[in-house]
Amino acid sequence: MRLSVRYDNKFQIIELNEKETEEMWISLSLEGDELPNSDKERLIQDAFNEKFNKPEYNNWHKFDRHKGYSIAKPNADGLECDTSEPLMKEVADDRVFRKDELERAYQNEYEDVCQWIRTALGKKQNWADMFIAVRIDGMSIREYASSTGADENNITQKLKRATKKLEQEYKNRQI
């Protein structure tokens, strides 16, 4: 049998005798011992391609693309720097290094806006909750109406009134 094996993104052919072919059949855990040799060879090659002949460049590139290519310099003591990760100035988008900081800033901004809405709408806290759920969190009016048991038209009218009140609070803002 001739087995095609990928090595360094090129295919090489390995000749297998009858015993090696049978061992390959067993090692790949294939079934169907009553099949003719041509079908067995095709199944062995298909299973080998599926298991071993995949191009691994993309997987390697995904995890190891930065290793060994950093331009980091040794520190003042002359000790080597850890170059397994790129420096912040070496990447095009540095948000990956500040993910937690950005998420906290977004959460703080969201809470500030919600607090302003609740303060601006004063005693109408149900309007504030409705406005935040529908306009900020993106819940549909139908979904909000079914969760509170209210009529959709009633929700729509209250949203219009809440929007009008918030526009009066902040005339130069678009809501």
Protein backbone atom coordinates (compact mmCIF):
# COMPACT_ATOMS: atom_id res chain seq x y z
CA MET A 1 0.00 0.00 0.00
CA ARG A 2 1.15 3.55 -0.70
CA LEU A 3 0.36 5.94 2.17
CA SER A 4 0.50 9.67 1.49
CA VAL A 5 1.86 11.62 4.51
CA ARG A 6 2.03 15.40 4.87
CA TYR A 7 5.40 16.63 6.13
CA ASP A 8 6.40 20.32 6.10
CA ASN A 9 3.39 21.18 3.92
CA LYS A 10 4.50 18.65 1.28
CA PHE A 11 3.23 15.13 0.69
CA GLN A 12 5.54 12.15 0.83
CA ILE A 13 4.68 8.59 -0.12
CA ILE A 14 5.45 5.69 2.22
CA GLU A 15 5.28 2.12 0.99
CA LEU A 16 3.61 -0.26 3.47
CA ASN A 17 3.72 -4.04 3.20
CA GLU A 18 0.74 -6.29 4.04
CA LYS A 19 1.63 -6.60 7.74
CA GLU A 20 2.18 -2.84 8.16
CA THR A 21 -1.10 -2.16 6.36
CA GLU A 22 -2.92 -4.47 8.77
CA GLU A 23 -1.24 -2.75 11.74
CA MET A 24 -2.26 0.64 10.36
CA TRP A 25 -5.85 -0.65 10.02
CA ILE A 26 -5.83 -1.67 13.69
CA SER A 27 -4.07 1.47 14.97
CA LEU A 28 -6.62 3.71 13.23
CA SER A 29 -9.44 1.61 14.79
CA LEU A 30 -11.17 0.97 11.49
CA GLU A 31 -13.90 -1.62 11.07
CA GLY A 32 -14.89 -3.87 8.18
CA ASP A 33 -12.36 -6.72 7.99
CA GLU A 34 -14.30 -8.35 5.13
CA LEU A 35 -13.66 -5.42 2.74
CA PRO A 36 -11.38 -5.87 -0.29
CA ASN A 37 -7.85 -4.48 -0.06
CA SER A 38 -8.55 -1.50 -2.35
CA ASP A 39 -11.39 -0.33 -0.08
CA LYS A 40 -9.25 -0.91 3.02
CA GLU A 41 -6.44 1.17 1.54
CA ARG A 42 -8.83 3.99 0.68
CA LEU A 43 -10.33 3.93 4.21
CA ILE A 44 -6.86 3.90 5.78
CA GLN A 45 -5.77 6.89 3.66
CA ASP A 46 -9.01 8.79 4.46
CA ALA A 47 -8.68 8.14 8.21
CA PHE A 48 -4.99 9.07 8.14
CA ASN A 49 -5.79 12.30 6.26
CA GLU A 50 -8.50 13.17 8.77
CA LYS A 51 -6.31 12.47 11.78
CA PHE A 52 -2.80 13.48 10.74
CA ASN A 53 -2.60 15.16 7.32
CA LYS A 54 -4.34 18.39 8.27
CA PRO A 55 -2.43 21.59 7.62
CA GLU A 56 -1.43 22.73 11.09
CA TYR A 57 -0.09 26.11 10.08
CA ASN A 58 -3.22 28.02 11.08
CA ASN A 59 -3.37 26.37 14.50
CA TRP A 60 0.32 26.97 15.06
CA HIS A 61 0.01 30.53 13.83
CA LYS A 62 -2.94 31.24 16.10
CA PHE A 63 -1.07 30.32 19.27
CA ASP A 64 2.60 30.88 18.49
CA ARG A 65 2.64 33.82 16.09
CA HIS A 66 4.36 36.17 18.56
CA LYS A 67 6.91 33.87 20.14
CA GLY A 68 10.48 34.82 19.52
CA TYR A 69 9.72 37.88 17.42
CA SER A 70 9.52 40.57 20.08
CA ILE A 71 11.87 43.53 19.83
CA ALA A 72 12.10 43.77 23.62
CA LYS A 73 15.52 44.71 24.93
CA PRO A 74 17.23 43.29 28.01
CA ASN A 75 16.52 45.18 31.21
CA ALA A 76 19.04 47.34 33.09
CA ASP A 77 20.49 44.35 34.98
CA GLY A 78 21.30 42.65 31.71
CA LEU A 79 18.70 39.94 32.31
CA GLU A 80 16.60 38.72 29.44
CA CYS A 81 13.01 39.92 29.09
CA ASP A 82 10.09 37.59 28.60
CA THR A 83 9.49 37.79 24.85
CA SER A 84 6.73 35.21 24.64
CA GLU A 85 4.14 37.99 24.39
CA PRO A 86 4.41 41.12 22.25
CA LEU A 87 4.88 44.52 23.78
CA MET A 88 1.97 46.95 23.79
CA LYS A 89 3.65 49.18 21.22
CA GLU A 90 4.20 46.22 18.90
CA VAL A 91 0.53 45.41 18.31
CA ALA A 92 -1.84 47.35 16.08
CA ASP A 93 -4.73 47.32 18.56
CA ASP A 94 -3.72 47.59 22.22
CA ARG A 95 -7.25 47.05 23.57
CA VAL A 96 -6.42 43.38 24.13
CA PHE A 97 -4.08 44.47 26.94
CA ARG A 98 -6.71 46.72 28.51
CA LYS A 99 -9.79 44.50 28.23
CA ASP A 100 -10.68 44.57 31.94
CA GLU A 101 -10.17 48.32 32.15
CA LEU A 102 -12.41 48.92 29.13
CA GLU A 103 -15.13 46.62 30.49
CA ARG A 104 -15.09 48.44 33.85
CA ALA A 105 -15.29 51.82 32.11
CA TYR A 106 -18.22 50.63 29.99
CA GLN A 107 -20.01 49.25 33.07
CA ASN A 108 -19.44 52.50 35.01
CA GLU A 109 -20.75 54.56 32.09
CA TYR A 110 -23.81 52.31 31.79
CA GLU A 111 -24.54 52.66 35.51
CA ASP A 112 -24.12 56.46 35.33
CA VAL A 113 -26.57 56.73 32.42
CA CYS A 114 -29.10 54.50 34.20
CA GLN A 115 -28.76 56.59 37.36
CA TRP A 116 -29.28 59.82 35.38
CA ILE A 117 -32.41 58.37 33.75
CA ARG A 118 -33.80 57.32 37.14
CA THR A 119 -33.06 60.77 38.59
CA ALA A 120 -34.53 62.63 35.60
CA LEU A 121 -37.74 60.61 35.61
CA GLY A 122 -38.12 61.09 39.38
CA LYS A 123 -41.22 59.42 40.74
CA LYS A 124 -41.87 57.45 37.52
CA GLN A 125 -39.45 54.60 38.28
CA ASN A 126 -41.51 52.16 36.21
CA TRP A 127 -40.92 54.49 33.21
CA ALA A 128 -37.21 54.51 34.00
CA ASP A 129 -37.04 50.71 34.18
CA MET A 130 -39.00 50.41 30.96
CA PHE A 131 -36.83 53.00 29.15
CA ILE A 132 -33.61 51.30 30.27
CA ALA A 133 -34.83 47.83 29.30
CA VAL A 134 -36.19 48.81 25.89
CA ARG A 135 -34.01 51.68 24.69
CA ILE A 136 -30.67 50.88 26.31
CA ASP A 137 -30.63 47.11 26.82
CA GLY A 138 -32.34 46.45 23.48
CA MET A 139 -35.32 44.42 24.68
CA SER A 140 -38.27 44.54 22.28
CA ILE A 141 -41.47 46.26 23.35
CA ARG A 142 -43.41 43.03 22.88
CA GLU A 143 -40.93 41.13 25.05
CA TYR A 144 -41.05 43.77 27.79
CA ALA A 145 -44.86 43.88 27.67
CA SER A 146 -45.09 40.10 28.05
CA SER A 147 -42.62 40.09 30.96
CA THR A 148 -44.58 42.76 32.87
CA GLY A 149 -48.05 41.75 31.75
CA ALA A 150 -48.83 45.20 30.31
CA ASP A 151 -50.32 46.15 26.95
CA GLU A 152 -47.85 46.90 24.12
CA ASN A 153 -49.63 50.13 23.19
CA ASN A 154 -49.48 51.26 26.81
CA ILE A 155 -45.73 50.56 26.88
CA THR A 156 -45.23 52.49 23.62
CA GLN A 157 -47.09 55.53 24.94
CA LYS A 158 -45.17 55.51 28.22
CA LEU A 159 -41.90 55.27 26.29
CA LYS A 160 -42.88 58.32 24.23
CA ARG A 161 -43.67 60.27 27.40
CA ALA A 162 -40.43 59.18 29.06
CA THR A 163 -38.43 60.17 25.97
CA LYS A 164 -40.10 63.57 25.90
CA LYS A 165 -39.36 64.13 29.59
CA LEU A 166 -35.71 63.10 29.16
CA GLU A 167 -35.38 65.39 26.12
CA GLN A 168 -36.62 68.28 28.25
CA GLU A 169 -33.97 67.45 30.84
CA TYR A 170 -31.21 67.47 28.28
CA LYS A 171 -32.29 69.57 25.34
CA ASN A 172 -29.09 69.17 23.34
CA ARG A 173 -28.94 65.39 23.65
CA GLN A 174 -30.38 62.87 21.21
CA ILE A 175 -32.25 60.11 22.93
